[in-house]
């Protein structure tokens, strides 16, 4: 689970000190080209700082505070603790915060019971929440649409067997 989040959210988590300067530079460059705040360059530490201490407005002042809070977190907590806090605070949807709550809500399982695919799906949800929710909803709808049909077909076959004349040996 942790590896899935790290690979999608912050590949260099264990190498940087809370701020990825190449990611910030890339985001700044794209923001300037778009003349708007279009891309984040936040590390997991920065995302945690934002979730714990700040509001989600897209301003340079908030970004500055996020960097300062990230430096504080990196100085006072281990990487493992920061990752644990992040995984317990990350937002999914419908008021769901943390991977444990998300595992229960989306899969009806304890986090320790998740398959690798389910853990990867949770990690991907943080990046592309709307798309993945639509896929899950559609999958559930297909199951709900298919189930009555399967019940109807099995009942039809049962009725045919029950009503068909049986061959009796004489």
N, C-alpha and C. Protein backbone atom coordinates (compact mmCIF):
# COMPACT_ATOMS: atom_id res chain seq x y z
N UNK A 1 0.83 -1.18 0.00
CA UNK A 1 0.00 0.00 0.00
C UNK A 1 0.88 1.26 0.00
N UNK A 2 1.84 1.30 0.90
CA UNK A 2 2.72 2.46 0.99
C UNK A 2 3.47 2.67 -0.32
N UNK A 3 3.95 1.58 -0.90
CA UNK A 3 4.71 1.68 -2.15
C UNK A 3 3.84 2.25 -3.27
N UNK A 4 2.57 1.87 -3.30
CA UNK A 4 1.67 2.38 -4.33
C UNK A 4 1.49 3.89 -4.18
N UNK A 5 1.30 4.35 -2.96
CA UNK A 5 1.15 5.79 -2.73
C UNK A 5 2.43 6.54 -3.08
N UNK A 6 3.55 5.99 -2.67
CA UNK A 6 4.82 6.66 -2.97
C UNK A 6 5.08 6.73 -4.47
N UNK A 7 4.78 5.65 -5.19
CA UNK A 7 5.05 5.65 -6.63
C UNK A 7 4.15 6.64 -7.37
N UNK A 8 2.95 6.87 -6.87
CA UNK A 8 2.04 7.80 -7.54
C UNK A 8 2.16 9.24 -7.05
N UNK A 9 2.43 9.40 -5.77
CA UNK A 9 2.39 10.74 -5.17
C UNK A 9 3.76 11.40 -5.00
N UNK A 10 4.79 10.60 -4.70
CA UNK A 10 6.08 11.23 -4.34
C UNK A 10 7.19 10.19 -4.43
N UNK A 11 7.66 9.94 -5.64
CA UNK A 11 8.68 8.90 -5.87
C UNK A 11 9.97 9.14 -5.08
N UNK A 12 10.29 10.40 -4.84
CA UNK A 12 11.54 10.73 -4.15
C UNK A 12 11.34 11.05 -2.67
N UNK A 13 10.28 10.54 -2.08
CA UNK A 13 9.92 10.84 -0.70
C UNK A 13 11.09 10.67 0.27
N UNK A 14 11.83 9.59 0.14
CA UNK A 14 12.92 9.31 1.08
C UNK A 14 14.21 10.06 0.71
N UNK A 15 14.24 10.72 -0.44
CA UNK A 15 15.44 11.43 -0.86
C UNK A 15 15.40 12.93 -0.57
N UNK A 16 14.23 13.53 -0.50
CA UNK A 16 14.16 14.99 -0.31
C UNK A 16 13.87 15.34 1.15
N UNK A 17 14.00 16.61 1.45
CA UNK A 17 13.79 17.06 2.84
C UNK A 17 12.43 17.74 3.00
N UNK A 18 11.44 17.24 2.30
CA UNK A 18 10.09 17.75 2.44
C UNK A 18 9.62 18.58 1.27
N UNK A 19 10.56 19.07 0.49
CA UNK A 19 10.23 19.89 -0.67
C UNK A 19 11.04 19.36 -1.85
N UNK A 20 10.36 19.15 -2.96
CA UNK A 20 11.04 18.73 -4.19
C UNK A 20 11.21 19.96 -5.07
N UNK A 21 12.40 20.51 -5.10
CA UNK A 21 12.63 21.73 -5.87
C UNK A 21 12.42 21.53 -7.37
N UNK A 22 12.80 20.37 -7.95
CA UNK A 22 12.48 20.16 -9.38
C UNK A 22 10.96 20.16 -9.63
N UNK A 23 10.20 19.56 -8.73
CA UNK A 23 8.74 19.54 -8.90
C UNK A 23 8.14 20.93 -8.75
N UNK A 24 8.65 21.71 -7.81
CA UNK A 24 8.18 23.09 -7.62
C UNK A 24 8.52 23.92 -8.86
N UNK A 25 9.74 23.76 -9.39
CA UNK A 25 10.15 24.50 -10.59
C UNK A 25 9.27 24.13 -11.78
N UNK A 26 9.00 22.84 -11.95
CA UNK A 26 8.14 22.38 -13.05
C UNK A 26 6.74 22.97 -12.92
N UNK A 27 6.19 22.93 -11.70
CA UNK A 27 4.85 23.47 -11.47
C UNK A 27 4.82 24.97 -11.72
N UNK A 28 5.83 25.67 -11.26
CA UNK A 28 5.92 27.12 -11.45
C UNK A 28 5.99 27.45 -12.95
N UNK A 29 6.80 26.72 -13.68
CA UNK A 29 6.92 26.92 -15.12
C UNK A 29 5.57 26.74 -15.81
N UNK A 30 4.85 25.67 -15.49
CA UNK A 30 3.55 25.40 -16.12
C UNK A 30 2.51 26.44 -15.69
N UNK A 31 2.59 26.89 -14.45
CA UNK A 31 1.67 27.94 -13.98
C UNK A 31 1.90 29.24 -14.74
N UNK A 32 3.16 29.58 -14.97
CA UNK A 32 3.49 30.80 -15.70
C UNK A 32 3.01 30.70 -17.15
N UNK A 33 3.22 29.56 -17.77
CA UNK A 33 2.76 29.37 -19.16
C UNK A 33 1.24 29.50 -19.25
N UNK A 34 0.53 28.97 -18.27
CA UNK A 34 -0.93 29.00 -18.28
C UNK A 34 -1.48 30.31 -17.72
N UNK A 35 -0.62 31.14 -17.13
CA UNK A 35 -1.03 32.37 -16.47
C UNK A 35 -2.09 32.10 -15.39
N UNK A 36 -1.95 30.94 -14.76
CA UNK A 36 -2.89 30.52 -13.73
C UNK A 36 -2.23 29.40 -12.93
N UNK A 37 -2.76 29.12 -11.75
CA UNK A 37 -2.25 28.02 -10.92
C UNK A 37 -2.89 26.73 -11.43
N UNK A 38 -2.15 25.97 -12.24
CA UNK A 38 -2.70 24.77 -12.87
C UNK A 38 -2.09 23.47 -12.37
N UNK A 39 -0.91 23.54 -11.77
CA UNK A 39 -0.26 22.30 -11.35
C UNK A 39 0.38 22.49 -9.99
N UNK A 40 0.28 21.44 -9.19
CA UNK A 40 0.96 21.44 -7.90
C UNK A 40 2.29 20.74 -8.02
N UNK A 41 3.19 21.06 -7.14
CA UNK A 41 4.47 20.37 -7.11
C UNK A 41 4.70 19.82 -5.72
N UNK A 42 3.60 19.50 -5.05
CA UNK A 42 3.68 19.15 -3.64
C UNK A 42 4.16 17.73 -3.40
N UNK A 43 5.02 17.60 -2.42
CA UNK A 43 5.46 16.29 -1.93
C UNK A 43 4.41 15.78 -0.95
N UNK A 44 4.58 14.55 -0.51
CA UNK A 44 3.68 14.01 0.50
C UNK A 44 3.75 14.85 1.77
N UNK A 45 4.95 15.30 2.13
CA UNK A 45 5.09 16.14 3.32
C UNK A 45 4.32 17.44 3.15
N UNK A 46 4.40 18.05 1.99
CA UNK A 46 3.66 19.29 1.73
C UNK A 46 2.15 19.05 1.75
N UNK A 47 1.71 17.93 1.18
CA UNK A 47 0.28 17.62 1.19
C UNK A 47 -0.21 17.42 2.62
N UNK A 48 0.60 16.74 3.44
CA UNK A 48 0.25 16.54 4.84
C UNK A 48 0.17 17.89 5.56
N UNK A 49 1.16 18.76 5.33
CA UNK A 49 1.16 20.08 5.96
C UNK A 49 -0.10 20.84 5.59
N UNK A 50 -0.47 20.80 4.31
CA UNK A 50 -1.69 21.48 3.86
C UNK A 50 -2.91 20.89 4.54
N UNK A 51 -3.01 19.56 4.59
CA UNK A 51 -4.17 18.90 5.20
C UNK A 51 -4.28 19.19 6.69
N UNK A 52 -3.14 19.27 7.38
CA UNK A 52 -3.16 19.46 8.83
C UNK A 52 -3.32 20.92 9.24
N UNK A 53 -2.67 21.83 8.52
CA UNK A 53 -2.55 23.20 9.02
C UNK A 53 -3.20 24.28 8.16
N UNK A 54 -3.51 24.00 6.91
CA UNK A 54 -3.89 25.07 5.99
C UNK A 54 -5.22 24.79 5.30
N UNK A 55 -5.73 25.80 4.60
CA UNK A 55 -6.91 25.63 3.77
C UNK A 55 -6.46 25.33 2.34
N UNK A 56 -7.39 24.93 1.52
CA UNK A 56 -7.03 24.44 0.19
C UNK A 56 -7.11 25.52 -0.89
N UNK A 57 -6.80 26.76 -0.57
CA UNK A 57 -6.82 27.80 -1.61
C UNK A 57 -5.52 27.75 -2.41
N UNK A 58 -5.61 28.15 -3.66
CA UNK A 58 -4.44 28.09 -4.55
C UNK A 58 -3.80 29.48 -4.62
N UNK A 59 -3.06 29.82 -3.58
CA UNK A 59 -2.37 31.12 -3.56
C UNK A 59 -0.90 30.90 -3.24
N UNK A 60 -0.08 31.88 -3.59
CA UNK A 60 1.34 31.79 -3.29
C UNK A 60 1.58 31.89 -1.79
N UNK A 61 0.72 32.63 -1.07
CA UNK A 61 0.87 32.74 0.38
C UNK A 61 0.65 31.38 1.04
N UNK A 62 -0.38 30.66 0.60
CA UNK A 62 -0.61 29.33 1.18
C UNK A 62 0.55 28.40 0.86
N UNK A 63 1.06 28.49 -0.36
CA UNK A 63 2.19 27.65 -0.77
C UNK A 63 3.42 27.94 0.09
N UNK A 64 3.64 29.20 0.40
CA UNK A 64 4.77 29.58 1.27
C UNK A 64 4.59 28.99 2.66
N UNK A 65 3.39 29.10 3.20
CA UNK A 65 3.11 28.52 4.52
C UNK A 65 3.26 27.00 4.48
N UNK A 66 2.84 26.39 3.37
CA UNK A 66 2.96 24.93 3.21
C UNK A 66 4.43 24.50 3.25
N UNK A 67 5.29 25.25 2.58
CA UNK A 67 6.73 24.95 2.57
C UNK A 67 7.28 25.06 3.99
N UNK A 68 6.90 26.12 4.70
CA UNK A 68 7.40 26.31 6.07
C UNK A 68 6.91 25.18 7.00
N UNK A 69 5.64 24.80 6.85
CA UNK A 69 5.09 23.71 7.67
C UNK A 69 5.76 22.38 7.31
N UNK A 70 6.11 22.20 6.04
CA UNK A 70 6.79 20.97 5.60
C UNK A 70 8.17 20.87 6.23
N UNK A 71 8.88 21.98 6.27
CA UNK A 71 10.20 21.99 6.90
C UNK A 71 10.07 21.64 8.38
N UNK A 72 9.05 22.18 9.03
CA UNK A 72 8.80 21.85 10.44
C UNK A 72 8.55 20.36 10.61
N UNK A 73 7.67 19.80 9.78
CA UNK A 73 7.37 18.36 9.88
C UNK A 73 8.61 17.51 9.67
N UNK A 74 9.40 17.84 8.65
CA UNK A 74 10.61 17.07 8.35
C UNK A 74 11.63 17.14 9.49
N UNK A 75 11.70 18.25 10.18
CA UNK A 75 12.65 18.39 11.29
C UNK A 75 12.20 17.68 12.55
N UNK A 76 10.89 17.52 12.71
CA UNK A 76 10.37 16.99 13.96
C UNK A 76 9.82 15.57 13.90
N UNK A 77 9.68 15.01 12.70
CA UNK A 77 9.12 13.67 12.56
C UNK A 77 9.97 12.85 11.58
N UNK A 78 9.96 11.55 11.78
CA UNK A 78 10.66 10.65 10.86
C UNK A 78 9.85 10.54 9.56
N UNK A 79 10.50 10.10 8.52
CA UNK A 79 9.82 9.88 7.24
C UNK A 79 8.67 8.87 7.41
N UNK A 80 8.91 7.84 8.22
CA UNK A 80 7.88 6.82 8.44
C UNK A 80 6.66 7.42 9.11
N UNK A 81 6.88 8.30 10.09
CA UNK A 81 5.77 8.94 10.80
C UNK A 81 5.01 9.90 9.87
N UNK A 82 5.74 10.63 9.05
CA UNK A 82 5.10 11.54 8.10
C UNK A 82 4.23 10.76 7.13
N UNK A 83 4.75 9.64 6.61
CA UNK A 83 3.97 8.82 5.69
C UNK A 83 2.74 8.24 6.40
N UNK A 84 2.91 7.77 7.62
CA UNK A 84 1.78 7.24 8.39
C UNK A 84 0.71 8.32 8.59
N UNK A 85 1.12 9.51 8.98
CA UNK A 85 0.17 10.61 9.18
C UNK A 85 -0.54 10.95 7.86
N UNK A 86 0.21 10.99 6.78
CA UNK A 86 -0.37 11.29 5.47
C UNK A 86 -1.43 10.24 5.11
N UNK A 87 -1.09 8.97 5.26
CA UNK A 87 -2.02 7.90 4.90
C UNK A 87 -3.28 7.92 5.77
N UNK A 88 -3.16 8.44 6.98
CA UNK A 88 -4.32 8.55 7.87
C UNK A 88 -5.12 9.83 7.64
N UNK A 89 -4.57 10.78 6.88
CA UNK A 89 -5.24 12.06 6.66
C UNK A 89 -5.69 12.28 5.22
N UNK A 90 -5.20 11.49 4.28
CA UNK A 90 -5.49 11.73 2.87
C UNK A 90 -6.99 11.61 2.61
N UNK A 91 -7.51 12.53 1.79
CA UNK A 91 -8.94 12.59 1.50
C UNK A 91 -9.29 11.76 0.27
N UNK A 92 -10.37 10.99 0.36
CA UNK A 92 -10.83 10.18 -0.76
C UNK A 92 -12.09 10.76 -1.39
N UNK A 93 -13.17 10.78 -0.66
CA UNK A 93 -14.46 11.32 -1.15
C UNK A 93 -15.49 11.07 -0.07
N UNK A 94 -16.62 11.69 -0.21
CA UNK A 94 -17.76 11.44 0.69
C UNK A 94 -17.39 11.58 2.16
N UNK A 95 -16.49 12.49 2.48
CA UNK A 95 -16.07 12.68 3.87
C UNK A 95 -15.17 11.58 4.40
N UNK A 96 -14.54 10.83 3.51
CA UNK A 96 -13.68 9.72 3.90
C UNK A 96 -12.23 10.19 3.93
N UNK A 97 -11.63 10.09 5.10
CA UNK A 97 -10.22 10.45 5.29
C UNK A 97 -9.46 9.23 5.77
N UNK A 98 -8.32 8.97 5.17
CA UNK A 98 -7.44 7.89 5.60
C UNK A 98 -7.70 6.59 4.86
N UNK A 99 -6.61 5.85 4.66
CA UNK A 99 -6.70 4.60 3.90
C UNK A 99 -7.49 3.52 4.63
N UNK A 100 -7.45 3.51 5.95
CA UNK A 100 -8.21 2.51 6.70
C UNK A 100 -9.71 2.68 6.50
N UNK A 101 -10.18 3.91 6.60
CA UNK A 101 -11.59 4.20 6.40
C UNK A 101 -11.98 3.94 4.95
N UNK A 102 -11.11 4.31 4.01
CA UNK A 102 -11.38 4.09 2.59
C UNK A 102 -11.45 2.60 2.27
N UNK A 103 -10.57 1.81 2.86
CA UNK A 103 -10.59 0.35 2.63
C UNK A 103 -11.93 -0.23 3.07
N UNK A 104 -12.39 0.20 4.22
CA UNK A 104 -13.67 -0.28 4.74
C UNK A 104 -14.82 0.21 3.86
N UNK A 105 -14.82 1.47 3.49
CA UNK A 105 -15.92 2.05 2.72
C UNK A 105 -16.00 1.46 1.31
N UNK A 106 -14.89 1.42 0.60
CA UNK A 106 -14.93 1.00 -0.80
C UNK A 106 -14.87 -0.52 -0.99
N UNK A 107 -14.24 -1.24 -0.06
CA UNK A 107 -14.07 -2.68 -0.25
C UNK A 107 -14.67 -3.52 0.87
N UNK A 108 -15.14 -2.88 1.93
CA UNK A 108 -15.70 -3.62 3.06
C UNK A 108 -14.67 -4.49 3.75
N UNK A 109 -13.42 -4.02 3.77
CA UNK A 109 -12.32 -4.80 4.33
C UNK A 109 -11.47 -3.95 5.26
N UNK A 110 -10.79 -4.63 6.17
CA UNK A 110 -9.75 -3.99 6.95
C UNK A 110 -8.56 -3.76 6.02
N UNK A 111 -7.81 -2.72 6.29
CA UNK A 111 -6.67 -2.39 5.43
C UNK A 111 -5.69 -3.57 5.28
N UNK A 112 -5.55 -4.37 6.32
CA UNK A 112 -4.62 -5.50 6.27
C UNK A 112 -5.11 -6.62 5.35
N UNK A 113 -6.38 -6.58 4.98
CA UNK A 113 -6.96 -7.62 4.12
C UNK A 113 -6.98 -7.23 2.64
N UNK A 114 -6.57 -6.02 2.31
CA UNK A 114 -6.61 -5.56 0.92
C UNK A 114 -5.63 -6.34 0.05
N UNK A 115 -6.03 -6.57 -1.18
CA UNK A 115 -5.12 -7.16 -2.15
C UNK A 115 -4.20 -6.04 -2.67
N UNK A 116 -3.18 -6.42 -3.40
CA UNK A 116 -2.28 -5.44 -3.99
C UNK A 116 -3.05 -4.54 -4.95
N UNK A 117 -3.94 -5.12 -5.74
CA UNK A 117 -4.73 -4.34 -6.70
C UNK A 117 -5.64 -3.34 -5.98
N UNK A 118 -6.25 -3.75 -4.90
CA UNK A 118 -7.13 -2.85 -4.15
C UNK A 118 -6.34 -1.70 -3.53
N UNK A 119 -5.15 -2.01 -3.00
CA UNK A 119 -4.29 -0.97 -2.45
C UNK A 119 -3.86 0.02 -3.52
N UNK A 120 -3.53 -0.51 -4.71
CA UNK A 120 -3.13 0.36 -5.82
C UNK A 120 -4.30 1.22 -6.28
N UNK A 121 -5.49 0.66 -6.26
CA UNK A 121 -6.67 1.43 -6.65
C UNK A 121 -6.91 2.58 -5.67
N UNK A 122 -6.75 2.32 -4.39
CA UNK A 122 -6.89 3.40 -3.40
C UNK A 122 -5.86 4.50 -3.66
N UNK A 123 -4.64 4.11 -3.94
CA UNK A 123 -3.60 5.10 -4.22
C UNK A 123 -3.96 5.91 -5.46
N UNK A 124 -4.46 5.25 -6.48
CA UNK A 124 -4.83 5.94 -7.71
C UNK A 124 -6.02 6.87 -7.49
N UNK A 125 -6.89 6.53 -6.56
CA UNK A 125 -8.06 7.36 -6.29
C UNK A 125 -7.65 8.76 -5.84
N UNK A 126 -6.55 8.88 -5.15
CA UNK A 126 -6.11 10.19 -4.67
C UNK A 126 -5.75 11.07 -5.87
N UNK A 127 -5.19 10.47 -6.91
CA UNK A 127 -4.81 11.21 -8.11
C UNK A 127 -5.99 11.46 -9.04
N UNK A 128 -6.82 10.47 -9.26
CA UNK A 128 -7.91 10.56 -10.24
C UNK A 128 -9.21 10.09 -9.63
N UNK A 129 -9.61 10.73 -8.55
CA UNK A 129 -10.76 10.30 -7.76
C UNK A 129 -12.03 10.19 -8.58
N UNK A 130 -12.38 11.21 -9.33
CA UNK A 130 -13.64 11.22 -10.05
C UNK A 130 -13.71 10.08 -11.05
N UNK A 131 -12.65 9.88 -11.81
CA UNK A 131 -12.64 8.82 -12.81
C UNK A 131 -12.79 7.45 -12.15
N UNK A 132 -12.07 7.20 -11.10
CA UNK A 132 -12.11 5.89 -10.46
C UNK A 132 -13.46 5.65 -9.79
N UNK A 133 -14.04 6.69 -9.17
CA UNK A 133 -15.37 6.53 -8.58
C UNK A 133 -16.39 6.17 -9.66
N UNK A 134 -16.29 6.80 -10.82
CA UNK A 134 -17.21 6.46 -11.91
C UNK A 134 -17.05 5.00 -12.34
N UNK A 135 -15.82 4.53 -12.39
CA UNK A 135 -15.56 3.13 -12.76
C UNK A 135 -16.16 2.19 -11.71
N UNK A 136 -15.94 2.50 -10.42
CA UNK A 136 -16.48 1.64 -9.35
C UNK A 136 -18.01 1.65 -9.36
N UNK A 137 -18.60 2.82 -9.56
CA UNK A 137 -20.06 2.92 -9.59
C UNK A 137 -20.60 2.13 -10.76
N UNK A 138 -19.98 2.26 -11.93
CA UNK A 138 -20.44 1.53 -13.11
C UNK A 138 -20.30 0.02 -12.91
N UNK A 139 -19.20 -0.39 -12.29
CA UNK A 139 -18.98 -1.82 -12.03
C UNK A 139 -20.08 -2.35 -11.10
N UNK A 140 -20.40 -1.57 -10.06
CA UNK A 140 -21.45 -1.97 -9.12
C UNK A 140 -22.79 -2.02 -9.84
N UNK A 141 -23.07 -1.05 -10.71
CA UNK A 141 -24.33 -1.04 -11.44
C UNK A 141 -24.44 -2.26 -12.34
N UNK A 142 -23.34 -2.63 -13.01
CA UNK A 142 -23.36 -3.80 -13.88
C UNK A 142 -23.67 -5.06 -13.08
N UNK A 143 -23.08 -5.17 -11.88
CA UNK A 143 -23.37 -6.33 -11.03
C UNK A 143 -24.84 -6.34 -10.66
N UNK A 144 -25.37 -5.17 -10.29
CA UNK A 144 -26.77 -5.08 -9.89
C UNK A 144 -27.70 -5.36 -11.06
N UNK A 145 -27.31 -4.96 -12.27
CA UNK A 145 -28.10 -5.24 -13.45
C UNK A 145 -28.03 -6.72 -13.82
N UNK A 146 -26.88 -7.32 -13.64
CA UNK A 146 -26.65 -8.70 -14.04
C UNK A 146 -27.30 -9.68 -13.06
N UNK A 147 -27.26 -9.37 -11.78
CA UNK A 147 -27.77 -10.29 -10.76
C UNK A 147 -29.24 -10.67 -10.98
N UNK A 148 -30.17 -9.72 -11.17
CA UNK A 148 -31.55 -10.13 -11.40
C UNK A 148 -31.71 -10.98 -12.66
N UNK A 149 -30.94 -10.66 -13.71
CA UNK A 149 -30.99 -11.44 -14.93
C UNK A 149 -30.55 -12.87 -14.68
N UNK A 150 -29.45 -13.04 -13.94
CA UNK A 150 -28.97 -14.38 -13.63
C UNK A 150 -29.98 -15.15 -12.79
N UNK A 151 -30.59 -14.47 -11.83
CA UNK A 151 -31.62 -15.12 -11.00
C UNK A 151 -32.80 -15.54 -11.87
N UNK A 152 -33.20 -14.65 -12.78
CA UNK A 152 -34.32 -14.95 -13.67
C UNK A 152 -33.99 -16.14 -14.56
N UNK A 153 -32.78 -16.18 -15.14
CA UNK A 153 -32.37 -17.29 -16.00
C UNK A 153 -32.33 -18.61 -15.24
N UNK A 154 -31.80 -18.59 -14.02
CA UNK A 154 -31.74 -19.84 -13.26
C UNK A 154 -33.13 -20.30 -12.87
N UNK A 155 -34.03 -19.37 -12.57
CA UNK A 155 -35.41 -19.73 -12.23
C UNK A 155 -36.12 -20.29 -13.45
N UNK A 156 -35.86 -19.70 -14.63
CA UNK A 156 -36.45 -20.17 -15.87
C UNK A 156 -36.00 -21.60 -16.16
N UNK A 157 -34.71 -21.88 -15.99
CA UNK A 157 -34.19 -23.23 -16.22
C UNK A 157 -34.79 -24.22 -15.23
N UNK A 158 -34.94 -23.78 -13.98
CA UNK A 158 -35.55 -24.64 -12.96
C UNK A 158 -36.98 -24.98 -13.34
N UNK A 159 -37.74 -23.98 -13.78
CA UNK A 159 -39.13 -24.20 -14.18
C UNK A 159 -39.20 -25.15 -15.36
N UNK A 160 -38.29 -25.00 -16.33
CA UNK A 160 -38.29 -25.86 -17.50
C UNK A 160 -38.03 -27.31 -17.09
N UNK A 161 -37.08 -27.50 -16.19
CA UNK A 161 -36.77 -28.87 -15.74
C UNK A 161 -37.96 -29.46 -14.99
N UNK A 162 -38.59 -28.66 -14.15
CA UNK A 162 -39.70 -29.13 -13.33
C UNK A 162 -40.93 -29.45 -14.18
N UNK A 163 -41.17 -28.66 -15.22
CA UNK A 163 -42.39 -28.82 -16.02
C UNK A 163 -42.21 -29.74 -17.22
N UNK A 164 -40.98 -30.04 -17.59
CA UNK A 164 -40.78 -30.90 -18.76
C UNK A 164 -41.09 -32.34 -18.39
N UNK A 165 -41.70 -33.06 -19.32
CA UNK A 165 -42.01 -34.46 -19.02
C UNK A 165 -40.74 -35.28 -18.88
N UNK A 166 -40.69 -36.06 -17.86
CA UNK A 166 -39.50 -36.88 -17.66
C UNK A 166 -39.68 -38.21 -18.38
N UNK A 167 -38.59 -38.74 -18.81
CA UNK A 167 -38.62 -40.04 -19.49
C UNK A 167 -38.61 -41.12 -18.42
N UNK A 168 -39.63 -41.91 -18.45
CA UNK A 168 -39.70 -42.97 -17.49
C UNK A 168 -39.35 -44.29 -18.15
N UNK A 169 -38.63 -45.13 -17.45
CA UNK A 169 -38.28 -46.44 -17.99
C UNK A 169 -39.45 -47.37 -17.73
N UNK A 170 -39.75 -48.17 -18.68
CA UNK A 170 -40.82 -49.16 -18.51
C UNK A 170 -40.30 -50.51 -18.40
